[in-house]
Amino acid sequence: MLSKGLKTISWILRIVAAVILLQTLFFKFTGAPESVYIFSTLGMEPWGRIGSGVVELVASILLLMPRTVAVGAIIALGTMAGAIGAHLTKLGIEVMGDGGTLFILALVTFASCAVVLFLHRREIPVIGGKL
């Protein structure tokens, strides 16, 4: 069980991560030029764009449900690791003149989910009881 303070921190970080993940969905699902550019550059347009949007939607929902926080954090960490890797290898920090905003949002989401997963490590399916 988490203390009241740690529960508050967990909720704040979960909401931050979920809001960031959810706000990008509009751009992915409507085929915004930035999203199409990113996934075309990665050679994954349109299925990578749509697929990552679905995964991010699922991760957001799981992050906000108390019984599935750990699973949502794991999924979001994996997704953001891919996004950060794409920025560092193919896209660059700045994409289409965004000043690095997408990269920074990926880092914030990754860091938020890493802390959430640490706080909820005992809830990780299969191995959580051993942590």
Protein backbone atom coordinates (compact mmCIF):
# COMPACT_ATOMS: atom_id res chain seq x y z
CA MET A 1 0.00 0.00 0.00
CA LEU A 2 1.19 3.48 -0.86
CA SER A 3 1.10 6.33 1.62
CA LYS A 4 -1.29 9.18 0.93
CA GLY A 5 1.56 11.34 -0.39
CA LEU A 6 2.82 8.63 -2.74
CA LYS A 7 -0.73 7.97 -3.96
CA THR A 8 -1.05 11.66 -4.79
CA ILE A 9 2.28 11.64 -6.65
CA SER A 10 1.21 8.51 -8.50
CA TRP A 11 -2.08 10.05 -9.56
CA ILE A 12 -0.45 13.29 -10.71
CA LEU A 13 2.13 11.41 -12.81
CA ARG A 14 -0.49 9.04 -14.23
CA ILE A 15 -2.70 11.95 -15.25
CA VAL A 16 0.25 13.82 -16.81
CA ALA A 17 1.25 10.74 -18.83
CA ALA A 18 -2.33 9.94 -19.87
CA VAL A 19 -3.06 13.52 -20.94
CA ILE A 20 0.09 13.64 -23.07
CA LEU A 21 -0.70 10.26 -24.64
CA LEU A 22 -4.35 11.16 -25.25
CA GLN A 23 -3.69 14.60 -26.72
CA THR A 24 -1.57 13.09 -29.51
CA LEU A 25 -4.38 10.76 -30.59
CA PHE A 26 -6.27 13.46 -32.45
CA PHE A 27 -3.23 14.08 -34.66
CA LYS A 28 -2.57 10.39 -35.24
CA PHE A 29 -6.15 9.38 -35.98
CA THR A 30 -6.93 12.36 -38.23
CA GLY A 31 -3.76 12.00 -40.28
CA ALA A 32 -2.32 15.39 -39.34
CA PRO A 33 0.64 16.36 -41.54
CA GLU A 34 3.13 16.10 -38.64
CA SER A 35 2.03 12.55 -37.81
CA VAL A 36 2.06 11.47 -41.44
CA TYR A 37 5.55 12.97 -41.85
CA ILE A 38 6.87 11.18 -38.75
CA PHE A 39 5.53 7.77 -39.69
CA SER A 40 6.45 8.19 -43.37
CA THR A 41 10.02 8.98 -42.30
CA LEU A 42 9.98 5.83 -40.18
CA GLY A 43 8.52 3.78 -43.06
CA MET A 44 5.45 2.94 -41.01
CA GLU A 45 2.69 5.09 -42.53
CA PRO A 46 -0.27 4.58 -42.05
CA TRP A 47 -0.33 1.41 -39.94
CA GLY A 48 2.40 2.47 -37.52
CA ARG A 49 0.60 5.75 -36.90
CA ILE A 50 -2.76 4.10 -36.30
CA GLY A 51 -1.29 1.17 -34.37
CA SER A 52 0.74 3.37 -32.05
CA GLY A 53 -2.37 5.49 -31.48
CA VAL A 54 -4.35 2.43 -30.44
CA VAL A 55 -1.54 1.27 -28.12
CA GLU A 56 -1.31 4.74 -26.56
CA LEU A 57 -5.08 4.83 -26.05
CA VAL A 58 -4.98 1.45 -24.29
CA ALA A 59 -1.99 2.52 -22.15
CA SER A 60 -3.81 5.72 -21.14
CA ILE A 61 -6.91 3.85 -20.05
CA LEU A 62 -4.87 1.29 -18.12
CA LEU A 63 -2.84 4.02 -16.39
CA LEU A 64 -6.02 5.63 -15.09
CA MET A 65 -7.57 2.41 -13.78
CA PRO A 66 -6.25 1.56 -10.30
CA ARG A 67 -6.10 -2.20 -10.91
CA THR A 68 -4.09 -1.92 -14.14
CA VAL A 69 -1.65 0.90 -13.39
CA ALA A 70 1.48 -1.24 -13.65
CA VAL A 71 0.48 -2.76 -16.99
CA GLY A 72 -0.39 0.67 -18.39
CA ALA A 73 2.95 2.05 -17.24
CA ILE A 74 4.83 -0.85 -18.88
CA ILE A 75 2.99 -0.36 -22.18
CA ALA A 76 3.53 3.40 -22.12
CA LEU A 77 7.23 2.95 -21.27
CA GLY A 78 7.67 0.67 -24.25
CA THR A 79 5.86 3.03 -26.57
CA MET A 80 7.81 6.05 -25.38
CA ALA A 81 11.10 4.14 -25.60
CA GLY A 82 10.26 3.59 -29.28
CA ALA A 83 9.40 7.26 -29.75
CA ILE A 84 12.59 8.43 -28.03
CA GLY A 85 14.63 5.96 -30.08
CA ALA A 86 13.02 7.19 -33.30
CA HIS A 87 13.87 10.79 -32.39
CA LEU A 88 17.47 9.92 -31.58
CA THR A 89 18.08 7.81 -34.68
CA LYS A 90 15.88 8.93 -37.60
CA LEU A 91 13.70 11.93 -36.81
CA GLY A 92 16.00 14.21 -34.86
CA ILE A 93 15.09 16.10 -31.71
CA GLU A 94 13.17 18.75 -33.65
CA VAL A 95 10.46 17.59 -36.05
CA MET A 96 8.96 19.98 -38.58
CA GLY A 97 9.99 23.06 -36.59
CA ASP A 98 8.36 21.99 -33.31
CA GLY A 99 11.37 23.10 -31.25
CA GLY A 100 11.73 19.61 -29.81
CA THR A 101 8.29 19.62 -28.21
CA LEU A 102 7.39 16.06 -29.25
CA PHE A 103 10.74 14.77 -28.00
CA ILE A 104 10.32 16.55 -24.65
CA LEU A 105 6.76 15.20 -24.29
CA ALA A 106 8.07 11.68 -24.93
CA LEU A 107 10.73 12.17 -22.24
CA VAL A 108 8.20 13.53 -19.73
CA THR A 109 5.83 10.64 -20.41
CA PHE A 110 8.65 8.10 -20.13
CA ALA A 111 9.90 9.58 -16.84
CA SER A 112 6.38 9.82 -15.40
CA CYS A 113 5.63 6.20 -16.26
CA ALA A 114 8.99 5.02 -14.91
CA VAL A 115 8.22 6.58 -11.52
CA VAL A 116 4.66 5.22 -11.59
CA LEU A 117 5.95 1.74 -12.38
CA PHE A 118 8.46 1.98 -9.55
CA LEU A 119 5.72 3.04 -7.12
CA HIS A 120 3.45 0.21 -8.30
CA ARG A 121 6.18 -2.42 -8.83
CA ARG A 122 4.49 -4.88 -6.50
CA GLU A 123 1.44 -4.82 -8.77
CA ILE A 124 3.32 -6.00 -11.85
CA PRO A 125 1.67 -9.25 -13.01
CA VAL A 126 3.64 -12.44 -12.32
CA ILE A 127 6.79 -10.85 -10.84
CA GLY A 128 5.35 -8.05 -8.70
CA GLY A 129 5.05 -10.10 -5.55
CA LYS A 130 8.79 -10.77 -5.60
CA LEU A 131 9.78 -7.08 -5.80
